[in-house]
Protein backbone atom coordinates (compact mmCIF):
# COMPACT_ATOMS: atom_id res chain seq x y z
CA UNK A 1 78.84 -35.87 -29.26
CA UNK A 2 76.31 -36.26 -32.12
CA UNK A 3 73.85 -33.44 -32.89
CA UNK A 4 70.21 -34.11 -31.74
CA UNK A 5 67.68 -34.88 -34.39
CA UNK A 6 65.72 -31.64 -33.85
CA UNK A 7 68.80 -29.48 -33.84
CA UNK A 8 70.03 -31.00 -37.23
CA UNK A 9 66.47 -30.55 -38.68
CA UNK A 10 66.51 -26.84 -37.54
CA UNK A 11 69.90 -26.36 -39.19
CA UNK A 12 68.62 -27.89 -42.48
CA UNK A 13 65.50 -25.46 -42.22
CA UNK A 14 67.80 -22.64 -41.76
CA UNK A 15 69.85 -23.58 -44.71
CA UNK A 16 66.82 -24.02 -46.97
CA UNK A 17 65.25 -20.66 -45.78
CA UNK A 18 68.55 -18.81 -46.58
CA UNK A 19 68.79 -20.45 -49.90
CA UNK A 20 65.19 -19.40 -50.61
CA UNK A 21 66.08 -15.78 -49.70
CA UNK A 22 69.06 -16.02 -51.98
CA UNK A 23 66.97 -17.35 -54.84
CA UNK A 24 64.39 -14.53 -54.24
CA UNK A 25 67.11 -11.92 -54.34
CA UNK A 26 68.58 -13.58 -57.49
CA UNK A 27 65.12 -13.49 -59.14
CA UNK A 28 65.34 -9.61 -59.06
CA UNK A 29 68.28 -9.51 -61.37
CA UNK A 30 67.02 -12.16 -63.86
CA UNK A 31 64.93 -11.87 -66.98
CA UNK A 32 61.11 -12.43 -66.68
CA UNK A 33 58.25 -11.98 -69.13
CA UNK A 34 55.73 -9.44 -68.00
CA UNK A 35 52.26 -9.33 -69.84
CA UNK A 36 51.20 -5.69 -70.13
CA UNK A 37 47.50 -6.45 -71.02
CA UNK A 38 45.09 -9.17 -69.70
CA UNK A 39 44.72 -10.71 -73.20
CA UNK A 40 48.24 -12.03 -72.96
CA UNK A 41 49.18 -10.59 -76.36
CA UNK A 42 51.59 -7.66 -75.37
CA UNK A 43 54.53 -8.76 -73.49
CA UNK A 44 58.01 -7.35 -72.63
CA UNK A 45 61.06 -8.85 -71.15
CA UNK A 46 62.15 -7.21 -68.03
CA UNK A 47 64.26 -8.00 -64.95
CA UNK A 48 62.67 -9.16 -61.82
CA UNK A 49 62.85 -5.94 -59.87
CA UNK A 50 60.75 -4.20 -62.50
CA UNK A 51 57.71 -6.27 -61.30
CA UNK A 52 57.34 -4.09 -58.19
CA UNK A 53 56.36 -0.79 -60.12
CA UNK A 54 54.01 -2.96 -62.30
CA UNK A 55 52.46 -4.48 -59.21
CA UNK A 56 52.02 -0.99 -57.62
CA UNK A 57 50.09 0.28 -60.64
CA UNK A 58 48.00 -2.89 -60.62
CA UNK A 59 47.17 -2.51 -56.97
CA UNK A 60 46.63 1.24 -57.14
CA UNK A 61 43.71 0.84 -59.51
CA UNK A 62 42.59 -2.73 -58.98
CA UNK A 63 40.31 -4.83 -61.44
CA UNK A 64 38.07 -6.60 -59.05
CA UNK A 65 36.92 -8.80 -62.05
CA UNK A 66 40.40 -10.12 -62.53
CA UNK A 67 40.53 -12.93 -60.04
CA UNK A 68 43.57 -14.47 -61.42
CA UNK A 69 45.59 -11.24 -61.27
CA UNK A 70 44.38 -10.32 -57.70
CA UNK A 71 45.27 -13.86 -56.50
CA UNK A 72 48.76 -13.61 -57.95
CA UNK A 73 49.34 -10.17 -56.59
CA UNK A 74 48.30 -10.94 -53.04
CA UNK A 75 50.10 -14.27 -53.06
CA UNK A 76 53.26 -12.69 -54.34
CA UNK A 77 53.15 -9.95 -51.64
CA UNK A 78 52.49 -12.53 -48.89
CA UNK A 79 55.19 -14.81 -50.23
CA UNK A 80 57.63 -11.76 -50.55
CA UNK A 81 57.13 -10.92 -46.76
CA UNK A 82 57.53 -14.48 -45.73
CA UNK A 83 60.67 -15.29 -47.65
CA UNK A 84 62.39 -12.24 -46.36
CA UNK A 85 61.28 -12.61 -42.67
CA UNK A 86 61.47 -16.42 -42.14
CA UNK A 87 65.21 -16.73 -41.65
CA UNK A 88 65.20 -14.00 -39.11
CA UNK A 89 62.24 -15.33 -37.12
CA UNK A 90 63.32 -18.92 -37.05
CA UNK A 91 63.93 -18.93 -33.16
CA UNK A 92 60.35 -17.59 -32.68
CA UNK A 93 58.91 -20.21 -34.97
CA UNK A 94 60.68 -23.00 -33.04
CA UNK A 95 59.16 -21.84 -29.78
CA UNK A 96 55.60 -21.13 -30.81
CA UNK A 97 53.58 -23.83 -32.53
CA UNK A 98 50.77 -21.35 -33.14
CA UNK A 99 53.16 -19.09 -34.98
CA UNK A 100 54.63 -21.97 -36.93
CA UNK A 101 51.10 -23.19 -38.10
CA UNK A 102 50.14 -19.73 -39.23
CA UNK A 103 53.25 -19.15 -41.17
CA UNK A 104 53.22 -22.56 -42.72
CA UNK A 105 49.61 -22.10 -43.73
CA UNK A 106 50.28 -18.74 -45.15
CA UNK A 107 53.35 -19.95 -47.09
CA UNK A 108 51.35 -23.03 -48.38
CA UNK A 109 48.60 -20.86 -49.49
CA UNK A 110 51.06 -18.36 -51.27
CA UNK A 111 52.94 -21.23 -52.72
CA UNK A 112 49.82 -22.97 -54.15
CA UNK A 113 48.27 -19.56 -55.23
CA UNK A 114 51.15 -17.97 -56.82
CA UNK A 115 52.73 -21.27 -58.18
CA UNK A 116 49.41 -22.57 -59.44
CA UNK A 117 48.61 -19.19 -61.31
CA UNK A 118 52.20 -19.22 -62.83
CA UNK A 119 51.94 -22.90 -63.77
CA UNK A 120 48.48 -22.39 -65.22
CA UNK A 121 49.55 -19.52 -67.36
CA UNK A 122 52.76 -21.15 -68.47
CA UNK A 123 50.87 -24.05 -70.09
CA UNK A 124 48.96 -21.66 -72.22
CA UNK A 125 49.94 -22.22 -75.76
CA UNK A 126 49.91 -18.65 -76.58
CA UNK A 127 52.78 -17.77 -74.15
CA UNK A 128 56.43 -18.39 -74.90
CA UNK A 129 59.19 -19.02 -72.32
CA UNK A 130 58.69 -16.97 -69.14
CA UNK A 131 62.48 -16.53 -68.64
CA UNK A 132 64.82 -17.87 -65.91
CA UNK A 133 63.67 -15.41 -63.32
CA UNK A 134 60.32 -17.08 -62.96
CA UNK A 135 61.71 -20.51 -62.36
CA UNK A 136 64.16 -18.91 -59.73
CA UNK A 137 61.02 -17.44 -58.17
CA UNK A 138 59.20 -20.77 -58.17
CA UNK A 139 62.35 -22.43 -56.62
CA UNK A 140 62.21 -19.77 -53.94
CA UNK A 141 58.66 -20.61 -53.16
CA UNK A 142 59.30 -24.34 -52.75
CA UNK A 143 62.48 -23.93 -50.90
CA UNK A 144 60.73 -21.47 -48.36
CA UNK A 145 57.80 -23.86 -47.86
CA UNK A 146 60.09 -26.94 -47.52
CA UNK A 147 62.24 -25.07 -44.92
CA UNK A 148 59.23 -24.16 -42.79
CA UNK A 149 58.21 -27.86 -42.72
CA UNK A 150 61.82 -28.76 -41.46
CA UNK A 151 61.44 -26.67 -38.35
CA UNK A 152 61.27 -28.70 -35.12
CA UNK A 153 60.96 -27.83 -31.37
CA UNK A 154 64.07 -28.61 -29.49
CA UNK A 155 63.47 -30.14 -26.11
CA UNK A 156 65.54 -28.87 -23.38
CA UNK A 157 68.05 -31.24 -21.79
CA UNK A 158 67.00 -32.56 -18.46
CA UNK A 159 69.36 -31.29 -15.69
CA UNK A 160 71.50 -33.83 -13.87
CA UNK A 161 70.70 -34.06 -10.21
CA UNK A 162 73.26 -35.21 -7.71
CA UNK A 163 72.10 -37.96 -5.42
CA UNK A 164 74.51 -37.10 -2.70
């Protein structure tokens, strides 16, 4: 018996969401470049998990005039929550279209916000290679958003009625 279309799409969505989670976990063990000052002069090569203390320090004393940093920080936190939670809330997202729309919009905004900031700063001529961890993080962003777009509502099978 063939798998219905919605079921197949949901299995693909689950595979993409799990792959995004794996890429997000792998990001924490890969090298990234962190800029320690806003002028992008001082930089250090660190692993991905070391971004969390840096982010905590940045959010502890925020610079409200640094719009690019605030956008990247909020998008990274939103995205981190989404990529960790989405494989586990997939049944809920299949049932509720409102929850699916809210999650897709939040994921899209985080993907565009964080991905746009990263790609914008990557094309700056004063910046060298950001490291493989950043590319793994961007792949995780794209896979999570794509996985959410694959979620479909499965229609219940109509019960067979005896005519006897």
